[in-house]
């Protein structure tokens, strides 16, 4: 066999290997959500109640849950929310047992910041607020050994990382239409030139191999994809205090088309270790303008205020992930969740269910809240969904001009994540731990 034929064989085999084992790569673009992909709001108080906050929404984080709830703020206030999370993914690669094991990632971030100012105009109570929210996190870090057997035998140590996420600047307004009904809207500006709305995927591997059992090889591979995201959408909400004890709230988050700037860097080299000569060398530098359709979502919540001390709340929330479509620079449209072509994708909408309770220990000079919640938080997947569940606990202290809250959230999923690995037979058991802290200053 001459060198030209060997090179063709190597190229074909390597493409098969590459498309088969790369995490998150299927030959099409997809978005790898590390944390929950479902669009929820922010704040330690809300999340301490399991995220069942659409019909409560009575602090500055309401702009992210239900902007109509902002009307309940009586004085100007500033709020800031921090987040620490830890996630473990116990991976089972099926026919690649040497790659099995637990992959972990830990991170801290600024989750939310807002400034709100209430006022009266034309005999109606109104409020405006400026808000920053870190909405989606894409962080993932995998390191494992992959063995490919067949005509091209290779042992590759895989190092795969994904960093970044999506954040938005929100401009919110709410008005009290009647003493019992208020309406609100938040304009979310997603712009990587304004706030960090980008992510990076890096795949590195290297290791020895053997072609047809006669030619020893060594391969190095590095691929980096940088994505920059920009777009605009709206959260539109209402709040209706029906009886003084029962409140209903609703929110609709509009779909939108985001602009994606995609930069690609690839370096790949295979050498014949007998001769030291190159068998394959590839260098790619490309930049493309692409687009991503972000899905609409909407939720309905009910809150029951039994007394000044006890509040119960329940939310249902639906997201149309089947409409989340990535269009590359060649006009090819695929599901951004799984990378499957749009015409063949079986992604369905998901429905969250969240329940929360808050009990206040009211003292003469301060208030101590006790909070808890349960939630069902499925993630989209091909031909079904990945089932996630969780619970939350929260507390804090309010006194005069300050309120401090802290919440712990545990989220877990068993036998999930098959769409991440297109080589087939991946199963994950995922555990996530989140701690949120909020500080509100009243003026």
Protein backbone atom coordinates (compact mmCIF):
# COMPACT_ATOMS: atom_id res chain seq x y z
CA UNK A 1 0.00 0.00 0.00
CA UNK A 2 1.54 3.37 -1.02
CA UNK A 3 1.71 6.42 1.26
CA UNK A 4 -1.18 8.14 -0.52
CA UNK A 5 -3.55 5.24 0.17
CA UNK A 6 -2.39 5.01 3.77
CA UNK A 7 -3.11 8.70 4.27
CA UNK A 8 -6.63 8.34 2.86
CA UNK A 9 -7.29 5.38 5.16
CA UNK A 10 -6.02 7.29 8.18
CA UNK A 11 -8.19 10.29 7.39
CA UNK A 12 -11.33 8.17 7.07
CA UNK A 13 -10.66 6.25 10.25
CA UNK A 14 -9.81 9.34 12.26
CA UNK A 15 -12.96 11.10 11.19
CA UNK A 16 -14.94 8.08 12.35
CA UNK A 17 -13.15 8.10 15.69
CA UNK A 18 -13.43 11.84 16.15
CA UNK A 19 -17.14 12.06 15.38
CA UNK A 20 -17.75 9.07 17.61
CA UNK A 21 -16.11 9.97 20.91
CA UNK A 22 -15.95 13.72 21.23
CA UNK A 23 -18.20 14.89 24.10
CA UNK A 24 -20.85 17.24 22.84
CA UNK A 25 -19.82 16.87 19.20
CA UNK A 26 -22.09 15.30 16.62
CA UNK A 27 -21.05 17.10 13.47
CA UNK A 28 -23.57 19.85 14.31
CA UNK A 29 -23.69 22.68 16.80
CA UNK A 30 -25.40 22.15 20.13
CA UNK A 31 -25.59 23.93 23.46
CA UNK A 32 -24.32 21.94 26.43
CA UNK A 33 -26.14 23.10 29.55
CA UNK A 34 -24.22 22.10 32.64
CA UNK A 35 -26.62 23.51 35.22
CA UNK A 36 -30.38 23.40 34.76
CA UNK A 37 -31.28 24.68 31.27
CA UNK A 38 -34.74 25.78 32.37
CA UNK A 39 -35.21 29.56 32.54
CA UNK A 40 -35.73 30.42 36.19
CA UNK A 41 -35.21 33.59 38.18
CA UNK A 42 -32.75 34.51 40.87
CA UNK A 43 -32.48 35.30 44.56
CA UNK A 44 -31.88 33.30 47.74
CA UNK A 45 -35.39 33.95 49.02
CA UNK A 46 -37.11 32.68 45.87
CA UNK A 47 -34.84 29.68 45.46
CA UNK A 48 -35.17 28.83 49.15
CA UNK A 49 -38.87 28.38 48.37
CA UNK A 50 -38.06 25.87 45.63
CA UNK A 51 -38.27 28.53 42.90
CA UNK A 52 -42.06 28.75 43.31
CA UNK A 53 -42.06 32.54 43.12
CA UNK A 54 -44.16 33.69 40.15
CA UNK A 55 -47.15 34.63 42.34
CA UNK A 56 -44.98 35.90 45.25
CA UNK A 57 -42.35 38.04 43.46
CA UNK A 58 -42.22 40.77 46.10
CA UNK A 59 -38.55 41.77 46.00
CA UNK A 60 -36.23 43.19 43.36
CA UNK A 61 -35.56 39.74 41.85
CA UNK A 62 -39.16 39.87 40.58
CA UNK A 63 -37.82 41.25 37.30
CA UNK A 64 -36.48 37.75 36.60
CA UNK A 65 -39.55 35.83 37.86
CA UNK A 66 -42.55 38.04 37.18
CA UNK A 67 -41.90 41.76 36.61
CA UNK A 68 -45.47 42.64 37.66
CA UNK A 69 -44.46 41.74 41.21
CA UNK A 70 -42.08 44.70 41.36
CA UNK A 71 -45.07 46.92 42.14
CA UNK A 72 -45.05 45.47 45.66
CA UNK A 73 -41.79 47.28 46.48
CA UNK A 74 -42.57 50.35 48.58
CA UNK A 75 -39.11 51.93 48.82
CA UNK A 76 -36.04 52.09 46.58
CA UNK A 77 -33.72 49.16 47.05
CA UNK A 78 -30.52 47.57 45.81
CA UNK A 79 -29.97 43.82 45.83
CA UNK A 80 -27.06 41.54 45.04
CA UNK A 81 -27.03 37.73 44.80
CA UNK A 82 -23.98 35.45 44.86
CA UNK A 83 -23.87 31.77 43.96
CA UNK A 84 -21.57 28.84 44.67
CA UNK A 85 -22.21 25.52 43.03
CA UNK A 86 -20.63 22.08 42.86
CA UNK A 87 -21.63 19.43 40.35
CA UNK A 88 -20.54 15.81 40.01
CA UNK A 89 -21.24 13.69 36.93
CA UNK A 90 -20.79 9.95 37.43
CA UNK A 91 -20.29 8.84 33.82
CA UNK A 92 -20.84 5.33 32.47
CA UNK A 93 -19.63 5.04 28.86
CA UNK A 94 -20.92 1.52 28.34
CA UNK A 95 -18.44 -0.17 26.03
CA UNK A 96 -15.62 2.20 27.14
CA UNK A 97 -15.33 1.22 30.85
CA UNK A 98 -11.86 2.78 31.22
CA UNK A 99 -13.52 6.18 30.65
CA UNK A 100 -16.03 5.68 33.47
CA UNK A 101 -15.81 7.73 36.64
CA UNK A 102 -16.84 10.91 38.38
CA UNK A 103 -16.11 14.30 36.83
CA UNK A 104 -16.47 17.36 39.07
CA UNK A 105 -16.65 21.12 38.72
CA UNK A 106 -16.94 23.91 41.31
CA UNK A 107 -17.56 27.59 40.67
CA UNK A 108 -18.61 30.85 42.27
CA UNK A 109 -20.33 33.70 40.44
CA UNK A 110 -22.32 36.91 40.71
CA UNK A 111 -25.81 35.62 40.04
CA UNK A 112 -27.87 38.82 40.15
CA UNK A 113 -27.70 42.56 40.79
CA UNK A 114 -30.52 45.09 40.71
CA UNK A 115 -31.54 48.61 41.62
CA UNK A 116 -35.25 49.46 41.85
CA UNK A 117 -37.06 52.79 42.25
CA UNK A 118 -40.83 53.07 42.91
CA UNK A 119 -42.80 56.24 42.14
CA UNK A 120 -46.34 57.54 41.48
CA UNK A 121 -47.48 59.03 38.17
CA UNK A 122 -51.00 59.85 36.95
CA UNK A 123 -52.38 58.45 40.21
CA UNK A 124 -50.86 55.03 39.52
CA UNK A 125 -48.08 53.33 41.43
CA UNK A 126 -45.16 52.47 39.17
CA UNK A 127 -41.61 51.17 39.47
CA UNK A 128 -38.53 50.88 37.30
CA UNK A 129 -35.48 48.68 37.86
CA UNK A 130 -32.13 47.90 36.32
CA UNK A 131 -31.06 44.27 36.62
CA UNK A 132 -28.17 41.97 35.80
CA UNK A 133 -28.78 38.21 35.76
CA UNK A 134 -26.45 35.29 35.09
CA UNK A 135 -28.96 32.98 33.40
CA UNK A 136 -27.25 29.93 31.92
CA UNK A 137 -24.05 28.19 32.98
CA UNK A 138 -22.13 25.97 30.55
CA UNK A 139 -19.18 24.92 32.74
CA UNK A 140 -17.98 21.35 32.27
CA UNK A 141 -14.58 19.67 32.78
CA UNK A 142 -13.91 16.08 31.69
CA UNK A 143 -10.65 14.10 31.71
CA UNK A 144 -10.64 10.41 30.75
CA UNK A 145 -8.96 7.72 28.65
CA UNK A 146 -10.59 6.63 25.40
CA UNK A 147 -9.52 3.50 23.53
CA UNK A 148 -10.47 2.96 19.90
CA UNK A 149 -10.09 -0.56 18.57
CA UNK A 150 -10.18 -1.75 14.99
CA UNK A 151 -8.13 -0.94 11.90
CA UNK A 152 -6.83 2.13 13.71
CA UNK A 153 -6.05 1.31 17.33
CA UNK A 154 -5.55 4.37 19.53
CA UNK A 155 -5.27 5.24 23.20
CA UNK A 156 -6.19 8.87 23.68
CA UNK A 157 -6.23 10.84 26.91
CA UNK A 158 -9.18 13.17 26.49
CA UNK A 159 -9.27 16.63 28.06
CA UNK A 160 -12.58 18.35 27.35
CA UNK A 161 -13.61 21.65 28.92
CA UNK A 162 -16.47 24.06 28.41
CA UNK A 163 -16.51 27.47 30.08
CA UNK A 164 -18.82 30.46 30.03
CA UNK A 165 -22.54 31.11 29.97
CA UNK A 166 -25.21 33.64 29.13
CA UNK A 167 -26.02 36.79 31.07
CA UNK A 168 -28.50 39.58 30.39
CA UNK A 169 -29.03 43.20 31.33
CA UNK A 170 -32.68 43.77 32.21
CA UNK A 171 -34.68 47.02 32.14
CA UNK A 172 -37.96 46.47 33.99
CA UNK A 173 -41.15 48.49 34.48
CA UNK A 174 -44.34 47.68 36.40
CA UNK A 175 -47.60 49.56 36.93
CA UNK A 176 -50.51 49.01 39.29
CA UNK A 177 -53.59 49.00 37.04
CA UNK A 178 -56.06 48.56 39.91
CA UNK A 179 -55.52 48.00 43.64
CA UNK A 180 -55.52 44.24 42.93
CA UNK A 181 -53.96 43.92 39.46
CA UNK A 182 -50.51 44.92 38.23
CA UNK A 183 -48.65 44.42 34.96
CA UNK A 184 -44.93 44.42 34.26
CA UNK A 185 -42.33 43.91 31.56
CA UNK A 186 -38.59 43.30 31.53
CA UNK A 187 -36.51 43.95 28.43
CA UNK A 188 -33.52 41.57 28.48
CA UNK A 189 -30.48 42.65 26.49
CA UNK A 190 -28.04 39.84 25.77
CA UNK A 191 -24.88 41.31 24.28
CA UNK A 192 -21.38 39.95 24.68
CA UNK A 193 -19.99 43.45 24.14
CA UNK A 194 -22.01 44.66 27.13
CA UNK A 195 -22.00 41.69 29.53
CA UNK A 196 -20.37 38.25 29.34
CA UNK A 197 -22.58 36.18 27.02
CA UNK A 198 -20.17 33.70 25.51
CA UNK A 199 -18.82 30.23 25.90
CA UNK A 200 -15.79 28.23 24.83
CA UNK A 201 -15.45 24.52 24.08
CA UNK A 202 -11.96 22.99 24.10
CA UNK A 203 -11.11 19.45 23.12
CA UNK A 204 -7.57 18.17 23.52
CA UNK A 205 -6.23 14.66 23.24
CA UNK A 206 -3.03 12.85 22.46
CA UNK A 207 -1.71 9.34 22.58
CA UNK A 208 -0.19 6.41 20.75
CA UNK A 209 -1.91 4.35 18.08
CA UNK A 210 -1.33 1.72 15.46
CA UNK A 211 -2.60 1.56 11.89
CA UNK A 212 -3.55 -1.91 10.68
CA UNK A 213 -1.26 -3.38 13.35
CA UNK A 214 1.89 -2.49 11.39
CA UNK A 215 2.39 1.29 11.53
CA UNK A 216 2.90 2.79 15.02
CA UNK A 217 1.55 6.33 15.32
CA UNK A 218 1.27 9.17 17.78
CA UNK A 219 -1.49 11.78 17.47
CA UNK A 220 -2.01 15.24 18.97
CA UNK A 221 -5.31 17.05 18.56
CA UNK A 222 -6.58 20.44 19.73
CA UNK A 223 -9.88 22.08 18.81
CA UNK A 224 -11.26 25.31 20.27
CA UNK A 225 -14.69 26.77 19.51
CA UNK A 226 -15.49 30.30 20.74
CA UNK A 227 -19.10 31.50 20.66
CA UNK A 228 -20.33 35.05 21.20
CA UNK A 229 -24.07 35.62 21.76
CA UNK A 230 -26.34 38.66 21.31
CA UNK A 231 -30.09 39.22 21.18
CA UNK A 232 -33.10 40.80 22.91
CA UNK A 233 -36.25 39.38 24.47
CA UNK A 234 -38.97 40.30 27.01
CA UNK A 235 -40.49 38.94 30.21
CA UNK A 236 -44.16 39.98 30.39
CA UNK A 237 -46.06 39.33 33.60
CA UNK A 238 -49.22 39.96 35.58
CA UNK A 239 -50.08 39.70 39.27
CA UNK A 240 -53.66 39.47 40.55
CA UNK A 241 -54.43 39.62 44.25
CA UNK A 242 -57.77 37.83 44.24
CA UNK A 243 -58.83 37.71 47.87
CA UNK A 244 -56.05 39.19 49.97
CA UNK A 245 -54.92 35.68 50.80
CA UNK A 246 -54.76 34.18 47.30
CA UNK A 247 -52.63 35.67 44.52
CA UNK A 248 -52.21 34.42 40.97
CA UNK A 249 -49.27 35.38 38.78
CA UNK A 250 -48.24 34.62 35.23
CA UNK A 251 -45.18 35.30 33.08
CA UNK A 252 -44.39 34.90 29.38
CA UNK A 253 -40.80 35.01 28.13
CA UNK A 254 -40.70 35.78 24.43
CA UNK A 255 -38.75 33.74 21.87
CA UNK A 256 -36.00 35.47 19.91
CA UNK A 257 -33.27 34.89 17.37
CA UNK A 258 -29.77 35.36 18.74
CA UNK A 259 -26.76 36.25 16.63
CA UNK A 260 -23.77 33.93 17.12
CA UNK A 261 -20.18 34.73 16.19
CA UNK A 262 -18.35 31.41 16.01
CA UNK A 263 -14.54 31.21 15.86
CA UNK A 264 -12.86 27.86 15.23
CA UNK A 265 -9.25 26.85 15.79
CA UNK A 266 -8.09 23.30 15.01
CA UNK A 267 -4.63 21.70 15.03
CA UNK A 268 -4.20 17.99 14.35
CA UNK A 269 -1.02 15.98 13.72
CA UNK A 270 -0.30 12.26 13.30
CA UNK A 271 3.26 11.04 13.02
CA UNK A 272 4.78 7.68 12.15
CA UNK A 273 6.79 6.92 15.28
CA UNK A 274 9.12 4.61 13.34
CA UNK A 275 10.24 7.32 10.95
CA UNK A 276 9.26 10.49 12.83
CA UNK A 277 7.56 11.74 9.67
CA UNK A 278 4.13 13.35 9.42
CA UNK A 279 1.31 11.14 8.19
CA UNK A 280 -1.35 13.80 8.65
CA UNK A 281 -1.25 17.51 9.48
CA UNK A 282 -4.26 19.84 9.63
CA UNK A 283 -4.54 23.47 10.71
CA UNK A 284 -7.86 25.33 10.58
CA UNK A 285 -8.71 28.93 11.43
CA UNK A 286 -12.29 29.98 10.66
CA UNK A 287 -14.82 32.61 11.73
CA UNK A 288 -18.52 32.34 10.96
CA UNK A 289 -21.71 34.26 11.62
CA UNK A 290 -24.48 31.90 12.71
CA UNK A 291 -27.79 32.12 14.59
CA UNK A 292 -29.69 30.46 17.41
CA UNK A 293 -33.46 30.48 17.91
CA UNK A 294 -34.17 30.74 21.64
CA UNK A 295 -37.48 29.18 22.73
CA UNK A 296 -40.49 30.79 24.31
CA UNK A 297 -41.46 29.82 27.84
CA UNK A 298 -44.29 30.67 30.19
CA UNK A 299 -45.43 29.93 33.71
CA UNK A 300 -48.36 30.26 36.06
CA UNK A 301 -48.17 30.46 39.83
CA UNK A 302 -50.49 30.62 42.82
CA UNK A 303 -49.63 31.81 46.31
CA UNK A 304 -51.69 31.38 49.47
CA UNK A 305 -50.90 33.72 52.34
CA UNK A 306 -52.42 31.96 55.32
CA UNK A 307 -51.25 34.72 57.68
CA UNK A 308 -48.55 37.35 58.02
CA UNK A 309 -46.26 34.48 58.99
CA UNK A 310 -47.09 31.63 56.59
CA UNK A 311 -47.06 31.63 52.77
CA UNK A 312 -47.44 28.63 50.43
CA UNK A 313 -46.73 28.79 46.70
CA UNK A 314 -46.89 26.56 43.64
CA UNK A 315 -45.65 27.12 40.05
CA UNK A 316 -45.93 25.32 36.73
CA UNK A 317 -43.57 26.38 33.95
CA UNK A 318 -43.28 25.20 30.32
CA UNK A 319 -40.40 25.70 27.86
CA UNK A 320 -40.59 24.86 24.14
CA UNK A 321 -37.14 23.35 23.61
CA UNK A 322 -38.24 21.90 20.27
CA UNK A 323 -38.03 25.46 18.92
CA UNK A 324 -34.39 25.91 20.01
CA UNK A 325 -32.70 25.63 16.60
CA UNK A 326 -29.12 26.37 15.61
CA UNK A 327 -28.41 27.51 12.05
CA UNK A 328 -24.79 27.30 10.96
CA UNK A 329 -23.05 29.42 8.32
CA UNK A 330 -24.06 26.95 5.60
CA UNK A 331 -27.74 27.25 6.48
CA UNK A 332 -27.95 23.79 8.10
CA UNK A 333 -30.51 23.76 10.93
CA UNK A 334 -30.16 21.41 13.90
CA UNK A 335 -31.56 21.06 17.38
CA UNK A 336 -29.35 23.11 19.70
CA UNK A 337 -30.07 20.57 22.43
CA UNK A 338 -28.93 17.40 20.69
CA UNK A 339 -27.27 18.39 17.41
CA UNK A 340 -29.77 16.30 15.42
CA UNK A 341 -31.10 17.81 12.18
CA UNK A 342 -34.28 19.80 12.74
CA UNK A 343 -36.39 17.52 10.54
CA UNK A 344 -35.32 14.43 12.50
CA UNK A 345 -35.15 15.81 16.02
CA UNK A 346 -37.47 14.45 18.70
CA UNK A 347 -37.03 17.15 21.34
CA UNK A 348 -40.21 17.93 23.31
CA UNK A 349 -41.18 20.83 25.59
CA UNK A 350 -40.58 20.39 29.32
CA UNK A 351 -42.80 21.34 32.25
CA UNK A 352 -41.37 22.24 35.64
CA UNK A 353 -43.36 21.92 38.86
CA UNK A 354 -42.25 23.83 41.96
CA UNK A 355 -43.64 24.06 45.48
CA UNK A 356 -42.46 26.31 48.32
CA UNK A 357 -43.27 27.39 51.84
CA UNK A 358 -42.12 30.33 53.96
CA UNK A 359 -42.67 30.81 57.68
CA UNK A 360 -41.61 34.04 59.41
CA UNK A 361 -40.46 34.27 62.99
CA UNK A 362 -41.47 37.88 63.66
CA UNK A 363 -39.63 39.62 66.50
CA UNK A 364 -39.85 43.28 67.60
CA UNK A 365 -36.59 44.30 65.86
CA UNK A 366 -35.98 41.62 63.27
CA UNK A 367 -37.55 38.80 61.27
CA UNK A 368 -36.14 35.29 60.78
CA UNK A 369 -37.57 33.40 57.76
CA UNK A 370 -37.67 29.62 57.47
CA UNK A 371 -38.10 28.33 53.92
CA UNK A 372 -38.27 25.02 52.10
CA UNK A 373 -39.21 23.77 48.65
CA UNK A 374 -39.48 20.81 46.31
CA UNK A 375 -39.18 20.83 42.54
CA UNK A 376 -39.35 18.68 39.42
CA UNK A 377 -36.97 20.15 36.84
CA UNK A 378 -36.69 17.95 33.70
CA UNK A 379 -34.07 18.70 31.06
CA UNK A 380 -34.76 18.33 27.32
CA UNK A 381 -33.46 15.24 25.53
CA UNK A 382 -34.02 13.39 22.26
CA UNK A 383 -37.21 11.31 22.25
CA UNK A 384 -38.01 12.03 25.88
CA UNK A 385 -36.55 14.03 28.73
CA UNK A 386 -33.93 13.72 31.45
CA UNK A 387 -35.65 13.53 34.83
CA UNK A 388 -34.26 15.84 37.52
CA UNK A 389 -35.63 16.42 41.01
CA UNK A 390 -34.55 18.48 43.98
CA UNK A 391 -35.25 20.23 47.23
CA UNK A 392 -34.28 23.55 48.82
CA UNK A 393 -33.84 25.00 52.29
CA UNK A 394 -33.43 28.65 53.23
CA UNK A 395 -33.28 31.18 56.01
CA UNK A 396 -31.94 34.68 56.68
CA UNK A 397 -32.54 37.79 58.72
CA UNK A 398 -34.31 41.10 58.05
CA UNK A 399 -33.77 44.18 60.15
CA UNK A 400 -34.68 47.78 59.34
CA UNK A 401 -32.85 48.68 56.14
CA UNK A 402 -31.20 45.34 55.45
CA UNK A 403 -32.27 41.82 54.53
CA UNK A 404 -29.89 38.90 54.25
CA UNK A 405 -30.99 35.54 52.86
CA UNK A 406 -29.25 32.25 52.23
CA UNK A 407 -30.54 29.14 50.44
CA UNK A 408 -29.26 25.66 49.69
CA UNK A 409 -30.46 23.74 46.62
CA UNK A 410 -29.88 20.06 45.81
CA UNK A 411 -30.71 18.80 42.32
CA UNK A 412 -30.13 15.30 41.03
CA UNK A 413 -30.76 13.15 37.98
CA UNK A 414 -30.28 9.41 37.47
CA UNK A 415 -29.49 7.81 34.10
CA UNK A 416 -29.41 11.11 32.20
CA UNK A 417 -27.13 12.87 29.70
CA UNK A 418 -27.19 10.46 26.74
CA UNK A 419 -27.31 13.36 24.25
CA UNK A 420 -23.92 14.68 25.39
CA UNK A 421 -21.99 11.77 23.87
CA UNK A 422 -22.89 10.85 20.33
CA UNK A 423 -20.78 7.67 20.33
CA UNK A 424 -23.68 6.06 22.14
CA UNK A 425 -24.38 4.38 25.47
CA UNK A 426 -23.49 7.23 27.84
CA UNK A 427 -25.39 7.37 31.10
CA UNK A 428 -24.85 9.84 33.93
CA UNK A 429 -25.87 10.15 37.53
CA UNK A 430 -25.71 13.87 38.31
CA UNK A 431 -25.68 15.67 41.65
CA UNK A 432 -25.66 19.46 41.98
CA UNK A 433 -25.25 21.53 45.13
CA UNK A 434 -25.96 25.27 45.06
CA UNK A 435 -25.70 27.89 47.77
CA UNK A 436 -27.24 31.29 47.10
CA UNK A 437 -26.76 34.38 49.24
CA UNK A 438 -28.70 37.62 48.84
CA UNK A 439 -28.31 41.06 50.37
CA UNK A 440 -30.99 43.73 49.98
CA UNK A 441 -30.54 47.32 51.10
CA UNK A 442 -33.66 49.48 51.48
CA UNK A 443 -33.56 53.27 51.18
